[in-house]
Amino acid sequence: MPGHDIIVIGASAGGVEAASQLVRSLPGDIPAAIFVVIHIAAHSNSVLPQILQRRGHIPATHPKDGEEIQHGRVYVAPPDLHLIIKPGYINLAHGPKENRHRPAVDPLFRSAARAYKSRVIGVILSGALDDGTAGLLEIKKLGGIAIAQDPEEALYDGMPGSAIENVEVDYVLPIAEIGEKLATLAHEPVETNNNSVDSQLAMETDMAELDAEAVQSLERPGKESPYSCPECGGVLWELNNGNFLRFRCRTGHAFSPDSLFAEQSDALEQALWVALRALKEQSALSRKLAKRAKQRNHSISANRFAEQAQEADSKAEVIRRVLVQGENQILNIDNIEANTEDNNLKTDMS
C-alpha cells in the first residue's frame, strides 16, 4: 500500500529561501516524489534545481516532458511552462496563464489531485496573493493532505494566509517542522478512495495543457460574469470551489479575486499612462498651433489653441497626481516577486 508519496509545493515571493529550507530538512531516502512550482520570470534562466540540490540531500532537476516519476527526486517547474502530473509521468505545458503566472501553482496541485487523489500532500509556502488555494481545495476534496507554512514566519503571508482562510488545512507549521511531517506522512500507508473526479476539475486540468477539446467545448462550469479577461479580452466565467470565488475565460486564463484585482490595477495604470502621454502631446501640439496662429496675427485661433493647451495640461495634472499617489500607495506585486526572487537567487548562487 503506497504512502503519501506525491508531494506538491507551491510558493512565490520569498519562496526560494522557504523551499530551500524545506528541501534541506527532507531525508535523502524519502519514499516520495517532490514537485515544486515557484513563480519565476518567463524568460529567465532558472538555477533553482541547483540551489535545491546543493542545499538538500535529494537530486533536483527541471524535468523533461514525458519523464517518468520516481521517488527520491525533486522536480522543479521550468520557466514559462506549467508542471502537470499524469499517472506515472510528467507533462510540461505552455498552457494559459493562471493567476498571472506560468508556471502557476494551481495547475500542478489540480493535476496531482486528479492523478493520485489521497496520495497527494499539498504544501503552500511564502508568496503574495493567493495562487495555490484553489488547487489545495481540490487536493482536500479528493482525500489528500493540506499543509501551510505558518504565516507569521513567511516572508510574504498572502499565499499561506489564503490557504488557511479558505481550505481546511491539516497542518500549519513553521518550515523547520514541515520537512519532518512530510517524511512521516510519506511512510504512512494510504487507503485508496473512490472519490470521483468531477467534470470541472477534469476540464480545468485539461485547459492548463491547452487541450483542444477542452478549449473548443461550449460547455463552461459556473456562470457568465460581467468582467473581461485581462489577458485576452474574453468573457470571464465565475467558478466556486466551496466559498472560494475564481474566474476563468474560454481560452483558459484563470484568476483568483486577488490576482484579477491586481491585473485590473495594472491595466488601469497602463491606461492612465497612455492618457497622460496623449494629453501632453495634445498640449504640445496646441501650443505649437497657438504660436503659429499668433505669428500670422490670427488672434482668435491663437487664443483658442492656447485655451486647449491649458485644458489638456489641467487634465494631465489630475492624472499625474493619481499616478503619483498610486506609486506611493499601491503594492506592485509583480515587482516584489521578481525583485525578491532575483535577489534570493543572486544570494544563493554567490
Protein backbone atom coordinates (compact mmCIF):
# COMPACT_ATOMS: atom_id res chain seq x y z
CA MET A 1 0.00 0.00 0.00
CA PRO A 2 1.56 3.38 -1.03
CA GLY A 3 2.09 6.25 1.35
CA HIS A 4 1.59 9.93 0.72
CA ASP A 5 4.22 9.75 -1.98
CA ILE A 6 3.26 12.70 -4.20
CA ILE A 7 4.31 15.97 -2.55
CA VAL A 8 3.48 19.20 -4.39
CA ILE A 9 4.90 22.51 -3.18
CA GLY A 10 3.88 26.00 -4.27
CA ALA A 11 5.48 29.35 -3.47
CA SER A 12 6.09 32.81 -4.86
CA ALA A 13 7.77 35.86 -3.30
CA GLY A 14 10.11 34.64 -0.60
CA GLY A 15 9.70 31.10 -1.86
CA VAL A 16 13.27 30.32 -2.88
CA GLU A 17 14.56 30.51 0.67
CA ALA A 18 11.49 28.76 2.09
CA ALA A 19 11.72 25.89 -0.41
CA SER A 20 15.47 25.60 0.17
CA GLN A 21 14.97 25.25 3.91
CA LEU A 22 12.22 22.70 3.39
CA VAL A 23 14.18 20.53 0.96
CA ARG A 24 17.21 20.69 3.25
CA SER A 25 15.16 19.09 6.04
CA LEU A 26 13.95 16.14 3.90
CA PRO A 27 15.82 12.82 4.18
CA GLY A 28 17.53 11.62 1.02
CA ASP A 29 15.67 8.30 1.09
CA ILE A 30 12.16 9.75 1.41
CA PRO A 31 9.75 7.41 -0.44
CA ALA A 32 8.07 10.20 -2.37
CA ALA A 33 8.42 12.40 -5.43
CA ILE A 34 8.53 16.14 -4.76
CA PHE A 35 7.24 18.71 -7.24
CA VAL A 36 7.96 22.44 -6.88
CA VAL A 37 6.43 25.50 -8.54
CA ILE A 38 7.83 28.92 -7.72
CA HIS A 39 6.76 31.92 -9.76
CA ILE A 40 9.67 32.99 -11.97
CA ALA A 41 10.01 35.28 -14.96
CA ALA A 42 9.17 33.61 -18.27
CA HIS A 43 12.46 34.42 -19.98
CA SER A 44 14.81 33.88 -17.05
CA ASN A 45 17.38 31.13 -16.67
CA SER A 46 16.28 29.24 -13.58
CA VAL A 47 19.00 27.88 -11.31
CA LEU A 48 16.52 26.72 -8.68
CA PRO A 49 17.25 22.98 -9.17
CA GLN A 50 20.94 23.60 -8.50
CA ILE A 51 20.09 25.62 -5.39
CA LEU A 52 17.75 22.96 -4.00
CA GLN A 53 20.15 20.12 -4.76
CA ARG A 54 23.06 21.96 -3.18
CA ARG A 55 21.01 22.78 -0.09
CA GLY A 56 19.42 19.36 0.34
CA HIS A 57 20.04 15.63 0.03
CA ILE A 58 17.77 14.86 -2.93
CA PRO A 59 18.57 15.23 -6.66
CA ALA A 60 16.67 18.17 -8.16
CA THR A 61 16.08 18.86 -11.85
CA HIS A 62 13.91 20.60 -14.39
CA PRO A 63 12.07 17.52 -15.74
CA LYS A 64 11.65 16.73 -19.40
CA ASP A 65 8.23 16.40 -20.97
CA GLY A 66 7.07 12.80 -20.57
CA GLU A 67 9.66 11.97 -17.89
CA GLU A 68 8.80 9.08 -15.61
CA ILE A 69 8.03 9.96 -11.98
CA GLN A 70 10.48 8.49 -9.48
CA HIS A 71 10.69 8.59 -5.70
CA GLY A 72 13.62 10.45 -4.21
CA ARG A 73 13.54 13.21 -6.82
CA VAL A 74 12.69 16.90 -6.73
CA TYR A 75 11.05 18.11 -9.95
CA VAL A 76 11.10 21.89 -10.43
CA ALA A 77 8.82 23.64 -12.92
CA PRO A 78 10.87 25.21 -15.76
CA PRO A 79 10.32 28.85 -16.73
CA ASP A 80 7.19 29.58 -18.79
CA LEU A 81 5.79 26.03 -18.53
CA HIS A 82 3.10 24.56 -16.32
CA LEU A 83 4.22 21.44 -14.44
CA ILE A 84 1.47 18.84 -14.90
CA ILE A 85 1.35 15.46 -13.16
CA LYS A 86 -0.03 12.47 -15.01
CA PRO A 87 -0.32 8.90 -13.67
CA GLY A 88 3.30 7.79 -13.73
CA TYR A 89 4.83 10.65 -15.72
CA ILE A 90 5.22 14.42 -16.07
CA ASN A 91 3.80 16.71 -18.69
CA LEU A 92 5.14 20.21 -19.39
CA ALA A 93 2.58 22.53 -20.95
CA HIS A 94 2.69 26.03 -22.40
CA GLY A 95 -0.95 26.49 -21.46
CA PRO A 96 -2.82 29.66 -20.49
CA LYS A 97 -1.51 31.63 -17.53
CA GLU A 98 -3.24 31.19 -14.20
CA ASN A 99 -3.22 33.90 -11.57
CA ARG A 100 -0.92 35.89 -13.89
CA HIS A 101 1.76 33.20 -13.95
CA ARG A 102 3.16 30.31 -15.96
CA PRO A 103 4.21 28.13 -14.23
CA ALA A 104 1.41 28.51 -11.70
CA VAL A 105 0.75 26.52 -8.55
CA ASP A 106 -2.91 25.65 -9.14
CA PRO A 107 -2.36 23.56 -12.33
CA LEU A 108 0.25 21.45 -10.51
CA PHE A 109 -2.00 20.89 -7.49
CA ARG A 110 -5.08 20.10 -9.59
CA SER A 111 -3.28 17.64 -11.81
CA ALA A 112 -1.75 15.87 -8.80
CA ALA A 113 -5.17 15.56 -7.15
CA ARG A 114 -6.70 14.20 -10.34
CA ALA A 115 -3.95 11.62 -10.90
CA TYR A 116 -3.18 10.48 -7.34
CA LYS A 117 -6.07 11.58 -5.10
CA SER A 118 -5.45 10.64 -1.45
CA ARG A 119 -1.72 10.00 -2.00
CA VAL A 120 -1.09 13.74 -2.50
CA ILE A 121 0.24 16.27 0.01
CA GLY A 122 -0.09 19.92 -0.96
CA VAL A 123 2.24 22.45 0.66
CA ILE A 124 1.84 26.24 0.42
CA LEU A 125 4.87 28.38 1.29
CA SER A 126 5.64 32.09 1.27
CA GLY A 127 4.06 34.14 -1.51
CA ALA A 128 1.97 37.17 -2.33
CA LEU A 129 -1.71 36.97 -3.36
CA ASP A 130 -3.43 33.57 -3.36
CA ASP A 131 -2.18 31.20 -6.07
CA GLY A 132 -2.46 27.60 -4.84
CA THR A 133 -5.64 27.96 -2.80
CA ALA A 134 -7.95 26.59 -5.50
CA GLY A 135 -5.63 23.66 -6.20
CA LEU A 136 -5.29 22.89 -2.49
CA LEU A 137 -9.09 22.72 -2.25
CA GLU A 138 -9.08 20.01 -4.94
CA ILE A 139 -6.39 18.05 -3.11
CA LYS A 140 -8.50 18.08 0.04
CA LYS A 141 -11.66 17.20 -1.87
CA LEU A 142 -10.03 14.05 -3.22
CA GLY A 143 -8.68 12.90 0.12
CA GLY A 144 -5.19 14.42 0.17
CA ILE A 145 -3.45 16.39 2.91
CA ALA A 146 -3.01 20.18 3.05
CA ILE A 147 -0.10 21.91 4.77
CA ALA A 148 0.59 25.65 5.01
CA GLN A 149 3.66 27.48 6.23
CA ASP A 150 2.95 29.49 9.37
CA PRO A 151 2.07 32.97 8.01
CA GLU A 152 3.79 34.57 10.99
CA GLU A 153 7.04 33.06 9.71
CA ALA A 154 6.55 33.55 5.97
CA LEU A 155 8.32 36.46 4.30
CA TYR A 156 5.07 37.09 2.40
CA ASP A 157 1.95 35.71 4.07
CA GLY A 158 -0.55 36.10 1.22
CA MET A 159 -0.47 32.55 -0.14
CA PRO A 160 -0.34 30.63 3.15
CA GLY A 161 -2.87 33.05 4.67
CA SER A 162 -5.32 32.50 1.81
CA ALA A 163 -4.90 28.72 2.06
CA ILE A 164 -5.62 28.76 5.79
CA GLU A 165 -8.62 31.04 5.33
CA ASN A 166 -10.26 29.06 2.53
CA VAL A 167 -9.14 25.44 2.97
CA GLU A 168 -9.46 23.04 5.90
CA VAL A 169 -5.69 22.87 6.23
CA ASP A 170 -4.45 19.83 8.16
CA TYR A 171 -1.22 21.38 9.44
CA VAL A 172 0.03 24.96 9.86
CA LEU A 173 3.73 24.64 10.62
CA PRO A 174 6.99 26.55 10.52
CA ILE A 175 9.43 25.46 7.82
CA ALA A 176 11.58 23.66 10.36
CA GLU A 177 8.72 21.26 11.12
CA ILE A 178 7.21 20.77 7.66
CA GLY A 179 10.04 18.53 6.42
CA GLU A 180 9.72 16.17 9.38
CA LYS A 181 5.95 15.97 8.91
CA LEU A 182 6.35 15.19 5.20
CA ALA A 183 8.82 12.41 5.94
CA THR A 184 6.40 10.89 8.46
CA LEU A 185 3.40 11.11 6.14
CA ALA A 186 5.34 9.62 3.22
CA HIS A 187 5.78 6.41 5.22
CA GLU A 188 2.15 6.17 6.33
CA PRO A 189 0.04 3.77 4.21
CA VAL A 190 -2.80 5.48 2.37
CA GLU A 191 -6.18 3.93 1.84
CA THR A 192 -7.19 4.42 -1.77
CA ASN A 193 -10.55 6.10 -2.12
CA ASN A 194 -13.26 6.04 -4.74
CA ASN A 195 -13.76 9.80 -4.82
CA SER A 196 -14.68 10.67 -8.36
CA VAL A 197 -13.03 13.48 -10.31
CA ASP A 198 -15.72 15.99 -11.18
CA SER A 199 -16.10 17.47 -14.63
CA GLN A 200 -14.88 20.92 -13.56
CA LEU A 201 -11.57 19.57 -12.23
CA ALA A 202 -11.08 17.49 -15.37
CA MET A 203 -11.82 20.45 -17.63
CA GLU A 204 -9.54 22.83 -15.75
CA THR A 205 -6.69 20.34 -15.74
CA ASP A 206 -7.10 19.80 -19.46
CA MET A 207 -7.21 23.54 -20.14
CA ALA A 208 -3.87 24.02 -18.39
CA GLU A 209 -2.45 21.76 -21.12
CA LEU A 210 -4.31 23.73 -23.82
CA ASP A 211 -6.20 20.55 -24.68
CA ALA A 212 -8.08 21.14 -27.95
CA GLU A 213 -11.32 19.51 -26.83
CA ALA A 214 -11.40 21.45 -23.55
CA VAL A 215 -10.72 24.78 -25.27
CA GLN A 216 -13.26 24.23 -28.04
CA SER A 217 -16.02 22.94 -25.78
CA LEU A 218 -19.02 25.25 -25.50
CA GLU A 219 -19.76 23.97 -22.02
CA ARG A 220 -18.37 26.03 -19.16
CA PRO A 221 -18.87 25.47 -15.44
CA GLY A 222 -20.11 28.35 -13.36
CA LYS A 223 -21.90 31.41 -14.68
CA GLU A 224 -21.01 34.21 -17.02
CA SER A 225 -19.67 37.30 -15.26
CA PRO A 226 -19.71 40.98 -16.32
CA TYR A 227 -15.89 41.04 -16.33
CA SER A 228 -13.50 40.58 -19.21
CA CYS A 229 -10.26 38.62 -19.22
CA PRO A 230 -7.27 40.96 -18.82
CA GLU A 231 -5.13 38.55 -20.87
CA CYS A 232 -7.28 38.07 -23.98
CA GLY A 233 -10.38 40.24 -23.57
CA GLY A 234 -12.83 37.33 -23.49
CA VAL A 235 -15.70 36.90 -21.07
CA LEU A 236 -14.80 35.57 -17.63
CA TRP A 237 -16.91 32.87 -16.00
CA GLU A 238 -17.40 32.75 -12.23
CA LEU A 239 -16.38 29.49 -10.58
CA ASN A 240 -16.78 28.46 -6.97
CA ASN A 241 -14.61 25.99 -5.07
CA GLY A 242 -16.56 25.86 -1.85
CA ASN A 243 -16.66 29.52 -0.85
CA PHE A 244 -13.58 30.43 -2.88
CA LEU A 245 -14.56 32.52 -5.91
CA ARG A 246 -12.50 32.33 -9.10
CA PHE A 247 -12.73 33.37 -12.74
CA ARG A 248 -11.77 31.65 -16.00
CA CYS A 249 -12.18 32.67 -19.64
CA ARG A 250 -12.98 30.47 -22.62
CA THR A 251 -9.35 30.09 -23.65
CA GLY A 252 -8.31 29.07 -20.15
CA HIS A 253 -6.80 32.11 -18.42
CA ALA A 254 -7.73 31.83 -14.75
CA PHE A 255 -7.79 34.34 -11.91
CA SER A 256 -8.42 34.35 -8.22
CA PRO A 257 -10.11 37.51 -6.90
CA ASP A 258 -6.77 38.94 -5.72
CA SER A 259 -4.96 38.21 -8.97
CA LEU A 260 -7.83 39.62 -11.06
CA PHE A 261 -7.84 42.80 -8.99
CA ALA A 262 -4.05 43.10 -9.36
CA GLU A 263 -4.28 42.60 -13.13
CA GLN A 264 -7.07 45.19 -13.41
CA SER A 265 -4.97 47.62 -11.35
CA ASP A 266 -2.05 47.14 -13.73
CA ALA A 267 -4.33 47.66 -16.74
CA LEU A 268 -5.76 50.81 -15.16
CA GLU A 269 -2.28 52.20 -14.51
CA GLN A 270 -1.26 51.45 -18.10
CA ALA A 271 -4.37 53.26 -19.36
CA LEU A 272 -3.56 56.27 -17.18
CA TRP A 273 -0.02 56.45 -18.59
CA VAL A 274 -1.44 56.33 -22.13
CA ALA A 275 -3.90 59.10 -21.25
CA LEU A 276 -1.12 61.22 -19.70
CA ARG A 277 1.01 60.84 -22.82
CA ALA A 278 -1.89 61.72 -25.12
CA LEU A 279 -2.76 64.82 -23.11
CA LYS A 280 0.83 66.06 -23.02
CA GLU A 281 1.12 65.54 -26.77
CA GLN A 282 -2.18 67.39 -27.26
CA SER A 283 -0.89 70.25 -25.11
CA ALA A 284 2.36 70.46 -27.07
CA LEU A 285 0.51 70.43 -30.40
CA SER A 286 -1.96 73.10 -29.24
CA ARG A 287 0.86 75.37 -28.09
CA LYS A 288 2.63 74.96 -31.42
CA LEU A 289 -0.55 75.83 -33.31
CA ALA A 290 -1.18 78.79 -30.99
CA LYS A 291 2.32 80.10 -31.70
CA ARG A 292 1.85 79.73 -35.47
CA ALA A 293 -1.54 81.45 -35.31
CA LYS A 294 -0.11 84.34 -33.27
CA GLN A 295 2.74 84.78 -35.78
CA ARG A 296 0.11 85.14 -38.53
CA ASN A 297 -1.95 87.57 -36.43
CA HIS A 298 -4.81 85.09 -36.11
CA SER A 299 -5.59 86.10 -32.55
CA ILE A 300 -8.87 84.22 -32.22
CA SER A 301 -7.29 80.92 -33.30
CA ALA A 302 -4.23 81.60 -31.15
CA ASN A 303 -6.39 82.13 -28.06
CA ARG A 304 -8.45 79.03 -28.83
CA PHE A 305 -5.35 76.84 -29.18
CA ALA A 306 -3.85 78.34 -26.00
CA GLU A 307 -7.03 77.51 -24.08
CA GLN A 308 -6.94 73.95 -25.43
CA ALA A 309 -3.35 73.62 -24.26
CA GLN A 310 -4.24 74.84 -20.77
CA GLU A 311 -7.19 72.45 -20.60
CA ALA A 312 -5.01 69.49 -21.66
CA ASP A 313 -2.37 70.47 -19.08
CA SER A 314 -5.04 70.68 -16.38
CA LYS A 315 -6.36 67.20 -17.17
CA ALA A 316 -2.82 65.82 -17.39
CA GLU A 317 -2.03 67.21 -13.94
CA VAL A 318 -5.01 65.37 -12.45
CA ILE A 319 -3.81 62.09 -13.96
CA ARG A 320 -0.23 62.79 -12.88
CA ARG A 321 -1.38 63.18 -9.27
CA VAL A 322 -3.33 59.91 -9.46
CA LEU A 323 -0.25 58.12 -10.77
CA VAL A 324 1.96 59.62 -8.05
CA GLN A 325 -0.49 58.51 -5.37
CA GLY A 326 -0.66 55.07 -6.95
CA GLU A 327 3.12 54.71 -6.95
CA ASN A 328 3.26 55.64 -3.29
CA GLN A 329 0.30 53.59 -2.06
CA ILE A 330 -0.30 50.60 -4.35
CA LEU A 331 1.83 47.48 -3.91
CA ASN A 332 3.22 46.32 -7.25
CA ILE A 333 3.08 42.51 -6.79
CA ASP A 334 4.99 41.65 -9.96
CA ASN A 335 7.94 43.84 -8.98
CA ILE A 336 8.00 42.44 -5.44
CA GLU A 337 8.02 38.86 -6.70
CA ALA A 338 10.58 39.43 -9.44
CA ASN A 339 12.93 41.51 -7.29
CA THR A 340 12.67 39.20 -4.30
CA GLU A 341 13.36 36.04 -6.28
CA ASP A 342 16.17 37.71 -8.27
CA ASN A 343 17.83 38.83 -5.04
CA ASN A 344 17.35 35.40 -3.46
CA LEU A 345 18.85 33.65 -6.47
CA LYS A 346 21.84 36.00 -6.58
CA THR A 347 22.41 35.49 -2.86
CA ASP A 348 22.07 31.72 -3.07
CA MET A 349 24.43 31.44 -6.04
CA SER A 350 27.08 33.80 -4.62
